[in-house]
């Protein structure tokens, strides 16, 4: 996540510098393929994965985080 966000940040900054038009980096999270509510995976495992994902995106320079469509409130 961090490496991807860092690359996107570099490209966005280069574009902004060359055109003067601001570009934003949005980090996408989820939804995943396992549903905690149905017992496919422990909630703590999903939570820890999303936390690591978010921290990497932020460290890489993402301006905002987008939580993708989820089917399970515990994922969200």
N, C-alpha and C. Protein backbone atom coordinates (compact mmCIF):
# COMPACT_ATOMS: atom_id res chain seq x y z
N UNK A 1 0.82 -1.19 0.00
CA UNK A 1 0.00 0.00 0.00
C UNK A 1 0.86 1.26 0.00
N UNK A 2 1.89 1.23 0.83
CA UNK A 2 2.75 2.42 0.92
C UNK A 2 3.47 2.68 -0.40
N UNK A 3 4.01 1.63 -0.99
CA UNK A 3 4.75 1.81 -2.25
C UNK A 3 3.83 2.31 -3.36
N UNK A 4 2.63 1.75 -3.45
CA UNK A 4 1.69 2.19 -4.47
C UNK A 4 1.28 3.64 -4.28
N UNK A 5 1.01 4.01 -3.04
CA UNK A 5 0.62 5.40 -2.75
C UNK A 5 1.78 6.35 -3.05
N UNK A 6 2.98 5.91 -2.74
CA UNK A 6 4.16 6.76 -2.99
C UNK A 6 4.34 7.02 -4.49
N UNK A 7 4.16 5.99 -5.29
CA UNK A 7 4.27 6.16 -6.75
C UNK A 7 3.18 7.10 -7.25
N UNK A 8 1.95 6.89 -6.78
CA UNK A 8 0.84 7.76 -7.20
C UNK A 8 1.09 9.20 -6.77
N UNK A 9 1.64 9.38 -5.56
CA UNK A 9 1.93 10.73 -5.05
C UNK A 9 2.97 11.42 -5.94
N UNK A 10 4.01 10.69 -6.32
CA UNK A 10 5.06 11.26 -7.18
C UNK A 10 4.48 11.69 -8.53
N UNK A 11 3.66 10.84 -9.12
CA UNK A 11 3.07 11.16 -10.42
C UNK A 11 2.12 12.35 -10.29
N UNK A 12 1.30 12.35 -9.25
CA UNK A 12 0.37 13.48 -9.05
C UNK A 12 1.13 14.78 -8.84
N UNK A 13 2.20 14.73 -8.06
CA UNK A 13 2.99 15.95 -7.82
C UNK A 13 3.68 16.44 -9.09
N UNK A 14 4.17 15.50 -9.90
CA UNK A 14 4.80 15.88 -11.18
C UNK A 14 3.77 16.56 -12.10
N UNK A 15 2.57 16.00 -12.14
CA UNK A 15 1.52 16.57 -12.97
C UNK A 15 1.16 17.97 -12.48
N UNK A 16 1.02 18.13 -11.17
CA UNK A 16 0.69 19.43 -10.60
C UNK A 16 1.78 20.45 -10.92
N UNK A 17 3.04 20.03 -10.80
CA UNK A 17 4.16 20.93 -11.08
C UNK A 17 4.20 21.35 -12.54
N UNK A 18 3.85 20.44 -13.44
CA UNK A 18 3.95 20.77 -14.87
C UNK A 18 2.74 21.53 -15.41
N UNK A 19 1.59 21.36 -14.78
CA UNK A 19 0.37 21.99 -15.32
C UNK A 19 -0.23 23.04 -14.39
N UNK A 20 0.12 22.99 -13.14
CA UNK A 20 -0.49 23.90 -12.16
C UNK A 20 -1.85 23.41 -11.67
N UNK A 21 -2.31 22.28 -12.19
CA UNK A 21 -3.60 21.72 -11.76
C UNK A 21 -3.38 20.71 -10.65
N UNK A 22 -4.03 20.93 -9.52
CA UNK A 22 -3.88 20.03 -8.36
C UNK A 22 -4.43 18.65 -8.67
N UNK A 23 -3.71 17.63 -8.27
CA UNK A 23 -4.17 16.25 -8.39
C UNK A 23 -4.09 15.61 -7.01
N UNK A 24 -5.06 14.76 -6.71
CA UNK A 24 -5.17 14.13 -5.41
C UNK A 24 -4.87 12.64 -5.53
N UNK A 25 -4.35 12.08 -4.46
CA UNK A 25 -4.11 10.64 -4.39
C UNK A 25 -5.12 10.06 -3.40
N UNK A 26 -5.96 9.15 -3.90
CA UNK A 26 -6.97 8.51 -3.07
C UNK A 26 -6.60 7.04 -2.90
N UNK A 27 -6.52 6.59 -1.66
CA UNK A 27 -6.15 5.21 -1.38
C UNK A 27 -7.38 4.36 -1.19
N UNK A 28 -7.48 3.28 -1.96
CA UNK A 28 -8.64 2.40 -1.91
C UNK A 28 -8.41 1.26 -0.92
N UNK A 29 -9.44 0.98 -0.11
CA UNK A 29 -9.36 -0.08 0.89
C UNK A 29 -10.56 -1.01 0.76
N UNK A 30 -10.28 -2.32 0.75
CA UNK A 30 -11.34 -3.31 0.80
C UNK A 30 -11.90 -3.65 -0.56
N UNK A 31 -12.97 -4.39 -0.59
CA UNK A 31 -13.72 -4.87 0.56
C UNK A 31 -13.20 -6.19 1.14
N UNK A 32 -12.45 -6.96 0.40
CA UNK A 32 -12.03 -8.27 0.88
C UNK A 32 -13.02 -9.33 0.43
N UNK A 33 -12.65 -10.59 0.63
CA UNK A 33 -13.50 -11.69 0.16
C UNK A 33 -14.09 -12.51 1.30
N UNK A 34 -13.74 -12.18 2.52
CA UNK A 34 -14.23 -12.93 3.68
C UNK A 34 -15.14 -12.04 4.52
N UNK A 35 -16.21 -12.63 5.06
CA UNK A 35 -17.18 -11.88 5.85
C UNK A 35 -17.11 -12.28 7.32
N UNK A 36 -16.72 -11.35 8.21
CA UNK A 36 -16.65 -11.68 9.63
C UNK A 36 -18.00 -12.10 10.22
N UNK A 37 -19.07 -11.48 9.80
CA UNK A 37 -20.38 -11.78 10.34
C UNK A 37 -20.78 -13.23 10.06
N UNK A 38 -20.34 -13.78 8.93
CA UNK A 38 -20.66 -15.16 8.58
C UNK A 38 -19.61 -16.15 9.09
N UNK A 39 -18.61 -15.64 9.82
CA UNK A 39 -17.60 -16.51 10.40
C UNK A 39 -16.50 -16.94 9.46
N UNK A 40 -16.39 -16.30 8.30
CA UNK A 40 -15.33 -16.65 7.34
C UNK A 40 -13.95 -16.28 7.87
N UNK A 41 -13.90 -15.27 8.71
CA UNK A 41 -12.63 -14.73 9.20
C UNK A 41 -12.90 -13.99 10.51
N UNK A 42 -11.92 -13.94 11.37
CA UNK A 42 -12.08 -13.22 12.63
C UNK A 42 -12.09 -11.71 12.37
N UNK A 43 -12.95 -11.00 13.09
CA UNK A 43 -13.03 -9.54 12.94
C UNK A 43 -11.66 -8.91 13.16
N UNK A 44 -10.92 -9.35 14.18
CA UNK A 44 -9.61 -8.75 14.49
C UNK A 44 -8.65 -8.87 13.31
N UNK A 45 -8.74 -9.95 12.57
CA UNK A 45 -7.87 -10.14 11.39
C UNK A 45 -8.20 -9.10 10.32
N UNK A 46 -9.48 -8.89 10.08
CA UNK A 46 -9.90 -7.89 9.09
C UNK A 46 -9.49 -6.49 9.57
N UNK A 47 -9.77 -6.19 10.82
CA UNK A 47 -9.42 -4.89 11.39
C UNK A 47 -7.93 -4.61 11.26
N UNK A 48 -7.11 -5.57 11.63
CA UNK A 48 -5.66 -5.38 11.58
C UNK A 48 -5.17 -5.20 10.15
N UNK A 49 -5.78 -5.93 9.21
CA UNK A 49 -5.40 -5.78 7.81
C UNK A 49 -5.75 -4.41 7.26
N UNK A 50 -6.96 -3.94 7.57
CA UNK A 50 -7.36 -2.61 7.13
C UNK A 50 -6.51 -1.53 7.78
N UNK A 51 -6.14 -1.73 9.05
CA UNK A 51 -5.30 -0.74 9.71
C UNK A 51 -3.93 -0.66 9.03
N UNK A 52 -3.33 -1.82 8.74
CA UNK A 52 -2.03 -1.83 8.06
C UNK A 52 -2.15 -1.18 6.67
N UNK A 53 -3.25 -1.47 5.97
CA UNK A 53 -3.50 -0.88 4.66
C UNK A 53 -3.59 0.64 4.76
N UNK A 54 -4.38 1.13 5.72
CA UNK A 54 -4.56 2.58 5.90
C UNK A 54 -3.24 3.25 6.27
N UNK A 55 -2.51 2.66 7.18
CA UNK A 55 -1.24 3.26 7.60
C UNK A 55 -0.26 3.33 6.43
N UNK A 56 -0.22 2.30 5.60
CA UNK A 56 0.65 2.31 4.43
C UNK A 56 0.26 3.38 3.44
N UNK A 57 -1.04 3.49 3.18
CA UNK A 57 -1.51 4.51 2.23
C UNK A 57 -1.19 5.92 2.73
N UNK A 58 -1.40 6.15 4.01
CA UNK A 58 -1.12 7.48 4.58
C UNK A 58 0.38 7.76 4.55
N UNK A 59 1.19 6.77 4.93
CA UNK A 59 2.64 6.95 4.91
C UNK A 59 3.15 7.21 3.49
N UNK A 60 2.47 6.62 2.50
CA UNK A 60 2.87 6.81 1.11
C UNK A 60 2.42 8.13 0.51
N UNK A 61 1.58 8.86 1.23
CA UNK A 61 1.19 10.19 0.75
C UNK A 61 -0.23 10.31 0.23
N UNK A 62 -1.09 9.33 0.51
CA UNK A 62 -2.48 9.44 0.07
C UNK A 62 -3.15 10.63 0.76
N UNK A 63 -3.96 11.35 0.02
CA UNK A 63 -4.69 12.49 0.55
C UNK A 63 -5.97 12.08 1.27
N UNK A 64 -6.54 10.97 0.85
CA UNK A 64 -7.80 10.49 1.45
C UNK A 64 -7.88 8.98 1.26
N UNK A 65 -8.72 8.35 2.06
CA UNK A 65 -8.94 6.91 1.97
C UNK A 65 -10.37 6.66 1.52
N UNK A 66 -10.53 5.68 0.63
CA UNK A 66 -11.85 5.31 0.14
C UNK A 66 -12.12 3.88 0.60
N UNK A 67 -13.21 3.69 1.34
CA UNK A 67 -13.62 2.34 1.72
C UNK A 67 -14.55 1.83 0.63
N UNK A 68 -14.12 0.77 -0.05
CA UNK A 68 -14.89 0.23 -1.15
C UNK A 68 -16.19 -0.40 -0.65
N UNK A 69 -17.06 -0.71 -1.56
CA UNK A 69 -18.34 -1.32 -1.24
C UNK A 69 -18.15 -2.56 -0.39
N UNK A 70 -18.88 -2.63 0.72
CA UNK A 70 -18.79 -3.80 1.58
C UNK A 70 -20.16 -4.43 1.74
N UNK A 71 -20.16 -5.70 2.08
CA UNK A 71 -21.40 -6.43 2.28
C UNK A 71 -21.65 -6.72 3.75
N UNK A 72 -20.70 -6.35 4.59
CA UNK A 72 -20.72 -6.74 5.98
C UNK A 72 -20.36 -5.53 6.85
N UNK A 73 -21.20 -5.18 7.78
CA UNK A 73 -20.93 -4.00 8.60
C UNK A 73 -19.64 -4.14 9.39
N UNK A 74 -19.24 -5.34 9.74
CA UNK A 74 -17.98 -5.50 10.45
C UNK A 74 -16.78 -5.20 9.55
N UNK A 75 -16.92 -5.38 8.24
CA UNK A 75 -15.86 -4.97 7.33
C UNK A 75 -15.74 -3.44 7.33
N UNK A 76 -16.86 -2.78 7.28
CA UNK A 76 -16.87 -1.33 7.22
C UNK A 76 -16.39 -0.74 8.53
